[in-house]
Amino acid sequence: MFIDRDTFENTSEDELADLSVPNQVHGFLIANDDFAFKAREIASQTGLDEGAVSTALSRLKDRELVEHKATYWAVTDDEERLEGYSGYERATTLFNGQLGPEDRSAWREHTVGESHPSVDTEDDQ
């Protein structure tokens, strides 16, 4: 799995080593939450061993953090469950560092109807 140069320079060796295979797999699925993938596709995209990915997916399924249908895997849409998972924040931080945080204005352009009041803040206006 790759990381960007900024993450490499600003993250401690211990923090980088702490990102386990399940955290990497879960982080990948979170970053691509609009899609479902086969285990081999996840392995290919993350640079991890396919067997390790399959084991990680099974463990994540046991924790109800991913969903499985046929040969496809996707991150759960249960936000409360995700927020309660300790690796979620670490994986989100890593992937935000690699891919950049979400741009709310970009996804708002594609929404239908009015914005929800909890989403709009003075900073966004």
N, C-alpha and C. Protein backbone atom coordinates (compact mmCIF):
# COMPACT_ATOMS: atom_id res chain seq x y z
N MET A 1 0.84 -1.17 0.00
CA MET A 1 0.00 0.00 0.00
C MET A 1 0.89 1.23 0.00
N PHE A 2 0.47 2.25 -0.71
CA PHE A 2 1.27 3.46 -0.78
C PHE A 2 0.73 4.52 0.17
N ILE A 3 1.58 5.46 0.53
CA ILE A 3 1.18 6.65 1.26
C ILE A 3 1.84 7.83 0.58
N ASP A 4 1.25 9.01 0.75
CA ASP A 4 1.85 10.18 0.11
C ASP A 4 3.05 10.66 0.91
N ARG A 5 3.84 11.52 0.31
CA ARG A 5 5.08 12.00 0.92
C ARG A 5 4.81 12.75 2.23
N ASP A 6 3.75 13.56 2.27
CA ASP A 6 3.42 14.32 3.48
C ASP A 6 3.14 13.37 4.65
N THR A 7 2.36 12.32 4.39
CA THR A 7 2.08 11.33 5.44
C THR A 7 3.37 10.64 5.87
N PHE A 8 4.21 10.29 4.92
CA PHE A 8 5.49 9.66 5.21
C PHE A 8 6.34 10.53 6.13
N GLU A 9 6.40 11.82 5.84
CA GLU A 9 7.24 12.73 6.61
C GLU A 9 6.65 13.11 7.97
N ASN A 10 5.32 13.15 8.07
CA ASN A 10 4.69 13.68 9.28
C ASN A 10 4.04 12.64 10.18
N THR A 11 4.18 11.38 9.86
CA THR A 11 3.59 10.31 10.66
C THR A 11 4.71 9.50 11.29
N SER A 12 4.55 9.20 12.57
CA SER A 12 5.60 8.45 13.26
C SER A 12 5.66 7.01 12.74
N GLU A 13 6.80 6.41 12.93
CA GLU A 13 7.00 5.03 12.50
C GLU A 13 6.01 4.10 13.20
N ASP A 14 5.76 4.35 14.49
CA ASP A 14 4.80 3.53 15.23
C ASP A 14 3.39 3.65 14.67
N GLU A 15 2.99 4.88 14.32
CA GLU A 15 1.66 5.07 13.76
C GLU A 15 1.50 4.36 12.42
N LEU A 16 2.53 4.42 11.60
CA LEU A 16 2.47 3.74 10.31
C LEU A 16 2.41 2.23 10.48
N ALA A 17 3.17 1.71 11.44
CA ALA A 17 3.19 0.27 11.68
C ALA A 17 1.88 -0.22 12.27
N ASP A 18 1.17 0.68 12.97
CA ASP A 18 -0.08 0.31 13.62
C ASP A 18 -1.23 0.07 12.66
N LEU A 19 -1.11 0.50 11.43
CA LEU A 19 -2.21 0.34 10.49
C LEU A 19 -2.24 -1.11 10.01
N SER A 20 -3.07 -1.92 10.64
CA SER A 20 -3.14 -3.35 10.36
C SER A 20 -3.81 -3.61 9.01
N VAL A 21 -3.72 -4.86 8.57
CA VAL A 21 -4.36 -5.24 7.31
C VAL A 21 -5.87 -4.96 7.38
N PRO A 22 -6.58 -5.36 8.45
CA PRO A 22 -8.00 -5.01 8.49
C PRO A 22 -8.25 -3.50 8.42
N ASN A 23 -7.40 -2.71 9.08
CA ASN A 23 -7.56 -1.26 9.00
C ASN A 23 -7.31 -0.74 7.59
N GLN A 24 -6.34 -1.30 6.91
CA GLN A 24 -6.06 -0.89 5.54
C GLN A 24 -7.22 -1.26 4.61
N VAL A 25 -7.73 -2.46 4.77
CA VAL A 25 -8.86 -2.92 3.94
C VAL A 25 -10.09 -2.07 4.24
N HIS A 26 -10.36 -1.87 5.51
CA HIS A 26 -11.52 -1.08 5.91
C HIS A 26 -11.37 0.36 5.42
N GLY A 27 -10.18 0.91 5.54
CA GLY A 27 -9.93 2.27 5.06
C GLY A 27 -10.15 2.38 3.56
N PHE A 28 -9.72 1.38 2.82
CA PHE A 28 -9.93 1.37 1.37
C PHE A 28 -11.42 1.36 1.05
N LEU A 29 -12.18 0.52 1.75
CA LEU A 29 -13.62 0.44 1.49
C LEU A 29 -14.33 1.73 1.90
N ILE A 30 -13.87 2.35 2.98
CA ILE A 30 -14.45 3.63 3.40
C ILE A 30 -14.18 4.69 2.34
N ALA A 31 -12.96 4.73 1.85
CA ALA A 31 -12.60 5.73 0.84
C ALA A 31 -13.35 5.51 -0.48
N ASN A 32 -13.84 4.31 -0.69
CA ASN A 32 -14.56 3.95 -1.92
C ASN A 32 -15.96 3.45 -1.58
N ASP A 33 -16.63 4.17 -0.68
CA ASP A 33 -17.89 3.68 -0.12
C ASP A 33 -19.05 3.63 -1.11
N ASP A 34 -18.89 4.15 -2.30
CA ASP A 34 -19.93 4.06 -3.32
C ASP A 34 -19.83 2.79 -4.16
N PHE A 35 -18.87 1.93 -3.83
CA PHE A 35 -18.60 0.75 -4.65
C PHE A 35 -18.49 -0.50 -3.78
N ALA A 36 -18.65 -1.65 -4.42
CA ALA A 36 -18.38 -2.94 -3.80
C ALA A 36 -17.29 -3.61 -4.63
N PHE A 37 -16.44 -4.38 -3.98
CA PHE A 37 -15.27 -4.97 -4.63
C PHE A 37 -15.15 -6.44 -4.30
N LYS A 38 -14.49 -7.17 -5.19
CA LYS A 38 -14.08 -8.54 -4.90
C LYS A 38 -12.78 -8.46 -4.09
N ALA A 39 -12.51 -9.48 -3.30
CA ALA A 39 -11.31 -9.49 -2.46
C ALA A 39 -10.05 -9.28 -3.28
N ARG A 40 -9.98 -9.91 -4.44
CA ARG A 40 -8.77 -9.77 -5.26
C ARG A 40 -8.59 -8.35 -5.76
N GLU A 41 -9.70 -7.65 -6.02
CA GLU A 41 -9.61 -6.25 -6.44
C GLU A 41 -9.09 -5.37 -5.31
N ILE A 42 -9.56 -5.65 -4.10
CA ILE A 42 -9.07 -4.90 -2.93
C ILE A 42 -7.58 -5.16 -2.75
N ALA A 43 -7.18 -6.42 -2.88
CA ALA A 43 -5.76 -6.77 -2.74
C ALA A 43 -4.93 -6.04 -3.79
N SER A 44 -5.40 -6.02 -5.00
CA SER A 44 -4.68 -5.36 -6.09
C SER A 44 -4.55 -3.86 -5.84
N GLN A 45 -5.61 -3.24 -5.38
CA GLN A 45 -5.62 -1.79 -5.17
C GLN A 45 -4.81 -1.37 -3.95
N THR A 46 -4.71 -2.23 -2.94
CA THR A 46 -4.00 -1.88 -1.71
C THR A 46 -2.58 -2.42 -1.66
N GLY A 47 -2.25 -3.35 -2.55
CA GLY A 47 -0.92 -3.95 -2.53
C GLY A 47 -0.77 -5.00 -1.44
N LEU A 48 -1.88 -5.51 -0.94
CA LEU A 48 -1.85 -6.52 0.11
C LEU A 48 -2.05 -7.91 -0.50
N ASP A 49 -1.65 -8.93 0.23
CA ASP A 49 -1.84 -10.32 -0.17
C ASP A 49 -3.33 -10.65 -0.18
N GLU A 50 -3.80 -11.33 -1.21
CA GLU A 50 -5.22 -11.64 -1.34
C GLU A 50 -5.73 -12.49 -0.17
N GLY A 51 -4.93 -13.42 0.31
CA GLY A 51 -5.33 -14.23 1.46
C GLY A 51 -5.50 -13.39 2.72
N ALA A 52 -4.59 -12.43 2.92
CA ALA A 52 -4.69 -11.53 4.08
C ALA A 52 -5.92 -10.66 3.96
N VAL A 53 -6.24 -10.22 2.75
CA VAL A 53 -7.43 -9.40 2.53
C VAL A 53 -8.68 -10.21 2.83
N SER A 54 -8.74 -11.44 2.37
CA SER A 54 -9.90 -12.30 2.62
C SER A 54 -10.11 -12.53 4.11
N THR A 55 -9.02 -12.78 4.83
CA THR A 55 -9.11 -12.96 6.28
C THR A 55 -9.59 -11.68 6.94
N ALA A 56 -9.03 -10.55 6.53
CA ALA A 56 -9.43 -9.26 7.10
C ALA A 56 -10.91 -8.99 6.84
N LEU A 57 -11.38 -9.28 5.63
CA LEU A 57 -12.79 -9.06 5.31
C LEU A 57 -13.70 -9.91 6.19
N SER A 58 -13.31 -11.15 6.43
CA SER A 58 -14.11 -12.01 7.31
C SER A 58 -14.17 -11.45 8.72
N ARG A 59 -13.05 -10.96 9.21
CA ARG A 59 -13.03 -10.37 10.55
C ARG A 59 -13.86 -9.10 10.61
N LEU A 60 -13.77 -8.29 9.57
CA LEU A 60 -14.56 -7.05 9.52
C LEU A 60 -16.06 -7.37 9.42
N LYS A 61 -16.39 -8.45 8.72
CA LYS A 61 -17.80 -8.87 8.63
C LYS A 61 -18.30 -9.32 10.00
N ASP A 62 -17.48 -10.06 10.74
CA ASP A 62 -17.86 -10.49 12.09
C ASP A 62 -18.15 -9.30 12.99
N ARG A 63 -17.46 -8.18 12.77
CA ARG A 63 -17.67 -6.95 13.55
C ARG A 63 -18.76 -6.07 12.96
N GLU A 64 -19.37 -6.56 11.87
CA GLU A 64 -20.44 -5.85 11.17
C GLU A 64 -19.99 -4.50 10.62
N LEU A 65 -18.74 -4.47 10.14
CA LEU A 65 -18.18 -3.24 9.57
C LEU A 65 -18.18 -3.27 8.05
N VAL A 66 -18.40 -4.44 7.48
CA VAL A 66 -18.51 -4.58 6.03
C VAL A 66 -19.72 -5.47 5.74
N GLU A 67 -20.18 -5.36 4.51
CA GLU A 67 -21.28 -6.20 4.04
C GLU A 67 -20.77 -7.07 2.90
N HIS A 68 -21.35 -8.26 2.79
CA HIS A 68 -20.89 -9.24 1.82
C HIS A 68 -22.08 -9.78 1.05
N LYS A 69 -21.99 -9.75 -0.27
CA LYS A 69 -23.04 -10.32 -1.11
C LYS A 69 -22.36 -10.98 -2.30
N ALA A 70 -22.63 -12.29 -2.46
CA ALA A 70 -21.98 -13.10 -3.50
C ALA A 70 -20.47 -12.99 -3.30
N THR A 71 -19.73 -12.47 -4.28
CA THR A 71 -18.28 -12.32 -4.14
C THR A 71 -17.87 -10.88 -3.89
N TYR A 72 -18.83 -10.01 -3.59
CA TYR A 72 -18.55 -8.59 -3.43
C TYR A 72 -18.60 -8.14 -1.97
N TRP A 73 -17.76 -7.16 -1.67
CA TRP A 73 -17.65 -6.61 -0.33
C TRP A 73 -17.78 -5.09 -0.40
N ALA A 74 -18.46 -4.53 0.59
CA ALA A 74 -18.61 -3.07 0.69
C ALA A 74 -18.61 -2.68 2.17
N VAL A 75 -18.26 -1.46 2.44
CA VAL A 75 -18.30 -0.96 3.81
C VAL A 75 -19.76 -0.84 4.23
N THR A 76 -20.04 -1.06 5.50
CA THR A 76 -21.40 -0.93 6.00
C THR A 76 -21.88 0.52 5.85
N ASP A 77 -23.18 0.67 5.73
CA ASP A 77 -23.73 2.03 5.69
C ASP A 77 -24.25 2.44 7.07
N ASP A 78 -23.96 1.65 8.08
CA ASP A 78 -24.35 1.94 9.46
C ASP A 78 -23.33 2.92 10.06
N GLU A 79 -23.64 4.21 9.98
CA GLU A 79 -22.72 5.26 10.44
C GLU A 79 -22.37 5.11 11.92
N GLU A 80 -23.33 4.75 12.73
CA GLU A 80 -23.09 4.59 14.16
C GLU A 80 -22.07 3.48 14.42
N ARG A 81 -22.20 2.41 13.66
CA ARG A 81 -21.27 1.28 13.79
C ARG A 81 -19.86 1.71 13.40
N LEU A 82 -19.76 2.46 12.29
CA LEU A 82 -18.46 2.92 11.82
C LEU A 82 -17.80 3.87 12.82
N GLU A 83 -18.59 4.77 13.37
CA GLU A 83 -18.04 5.74 14.32
C GLU A 83 -17.53 5.07 15.59
N GLY A 84 -18.12 3.93 15.93
CA GLY A 84 -17.70 3.22 17.14
C GLY A 84 -16.45 2.38 16.95
N TYR A 85 -16.01 2.22 15.73
CA TYR A 85 -14.84 1.38 15.44
C TYR A 85 -13.57 2.20 15.59
N SER A 86 -12.66 1.78 16.45
CA SER A 86 -11.46 2.57 16.75
C SER A 86 -10.56 2.78 15.54
N GLY A 87 -10.51 1.84 14.62
CA GLY A 87 -9.66 1.98 13.45
C GLY A 87 -10.22 2.92 12.40
N TYR A 88 -11.50 3.22 12.51
CA TYR A 88 -12.16 4.08 11.52
C TYR A 88 -11.50 5.45 11.45
N GLU A 89 -11.30 6.07 12.59
CA GLU A 89 -10.72 7.41 12.60
C GLU A 89 -9.30 7.40 12.04
N ARG A 90 -8.50 6.42 12.44
CA ARG A 90 -7.13 6.33 11.96
C ARG A 90 -7.09 6.10 10.45
N ALA A 91 -7.95 5.20 9.96
CA ALA A 91 -7.99 4.92 8.52
C ALA A 91 -8.50 6.13 7.75
N THR A 92 -9.51 6.80 8.28
CA THR A 92 -10.04 7.99 7.61
C THR A 92 -8.98 9.07 7.53
N THR A 93 -8.24 9.28 8.61
CA THR A 93 -7.17 10.27 8.62
C THR A 93 -6.11 9.93 7.58
N LEU A 94 -5.72 8.67 7.51
CA LEU A 94 -4.72 8.25 6.53
C LEU A 94 -5.21 8.49 5.11
N PHE A 95 -6.44 8.07 4.82
CA PHE A 95 -6.95 8.23 3.46
C PHE A 95 -7.24 9.69 3.12
N ASN A 96 -7.66 10.49 4.09
CA ASN A 96 -7.81 11.92 3.83
C ASN A 96 -6.46 12.52 3.49
N GLY A 97 -5.41 12.04 4.14
CA GLY A 97 -4.07 12.52 3.84
C GLY A 97 -3.63 12.13 2.44
N GLN A 98 -4.02 10.94 2.01
CA GLN A 98 -3.64 10.46 0.68
C GLN A 98 -4.51 11.05 -0.42
N LEU A 99 -5.81 11.09 -0.17
CA LEU A 99 -6.75 11.46 -1.21
C LEU A 99 -7.34 12.85 -1.04
N GLY A 100 -7.10 13.45 0.11
CA GLY A 100 -7.69 14.76 0.41
C GLY A 100 -9.05 14.58 1.03
N PRO A 101 -9.44 15.53 1.88
CA PRO A 101 -10.77 15.44 2.50
C PRO A 101 -11.85 15.67 1.46
N GLU A 102 -13.06 15.28 1.80
CA GLU A 102 -14.17 15.49 0.89
C GLU A 102 -14.41 16.98 0.69
N ASP A 103 -14.78 17.35 -0.50
CA ASP A 103 -15.12 18.73 -0.84
C ASP A 103 -16.64 18.83 -0.83
N ARG A 104 -17.19 19.37 0.25
CA ARG A 104 -18.65 19.43 0.39
C ARG A 104 -19.31 20.18 -0.76
N SER A 105 -18.67 21.24 -1.22
CA SER A 105 -19.29 22.00 -2.31
C SER A 105 -19.39 21.17 -3.58
N ALA A 106 -18.44 20.27 -3.80
CA ALA A 106 -18.47 19.41 -4.99
C ALA A 106 -19.63 18.43 -4.93
N TRP A 107 -19.87 17.82 -3.78
CA TRP A 107 -20.98 16.86 -3.73
C TRP A 107 -22.31 17.56 -3.60
N ARG A 108 -22.34 18.78 -3.06
CA ARG A 108 -23.60 19.53 -2.98
C ARG A 108 -24.14 19.89 -4.35
N GLU A 109 -23.23 20.10 -5.30
CA GLU A 109 -23.66 20.44 -6.66
C GLU A 109 -24.51 19.34 -7.28
N HIS A 110 -24.39 18.12 -6.76
CA HIS A 110 -25.09 16.99 -7.34
C HIS A 110 -26.26 16.52 -6.49
N THR A 111 -26.62 17.26 -5.44
CA THR A 111 -27.74 16.87 -4.60
C THR A 111 -29.03 17.39 -5.19
N VAL A 112 -30.10 16.75 -4.81
CA VAL A 112 -31.43 17.16 -5.27
C VAL A 112 -32.12 17.87 -4.12
N GLY A 113 -32.75 18.98 -4.39
CA GLY A 113 -33.52 19.69 -3.36
C GLY A 113 -32.64 20.55 -2.49
N GLU A 114 -33.19 20.94 -1.36
CA GLU A 114 -32.49 21.84 -0.45
C GLU A 114 -31.53 21.06 0.44
N SER A 115 -30.50 21.76 0.89
CA SER A 115 -29.54 21.16 1.81
C SER A 115 -30.18 20.98 3.17
N HIS A 116 -29.71 20.00 3.89
CA HIS A 116 -30.16 19.77 5.25
C HIS A 116 -29.51 20.81 6.15
N PRO A 117 -30.26 21.38 7.11
CA PRO A 117 -29.69 22.43 7.98
C PRO A 117 -28.44 21.99 8.74
N SER A 118 -28.33 20.71 9.08
CA SER A 118 -27.16 20.25 9.82
C SER A 118 -25.90 20.25 8.98
N VAL A 119 -26.05 20.31 7.65
CA VAL A 119 -24.90 20.29 6.76
C VAL A 119 -24.38 21.69 6.50
N ASP A 120 -25.29 22.65 6.40
CA ASP A 120 -24.88 24.02 6.11
C ASP A 120 -24.34 24.69 7.38
N THR A 121 -23.21 25.31 7.23
CA THR A 121 -22.63 26.09 8.32
C THR A 121 -22.26 27.44 7.77
N GLU A 122 -21.98 28.37 8.67
CA GLU A 122 -21.60 29.72 8.22
C GLU A 122 -20.33 29.68 7.38
N ASP A 123 -19.43 28.74 7.67
CA ASP A 123 -18.18 28.63 6.93
C ASP A 123 -18.44 28.26 5.48
N ASP A 124 -19.53 27.49 5.24
CA ASP A 124 -19.81 27.03 3.89
C ASP A 124 -20.47 28.08 3.02
N GLN A 125 -21.06 29.11 3.65
CA GLN A 125 -21.84 30.09 2.89
C GLN A 125 -21.01 31.22 2.40
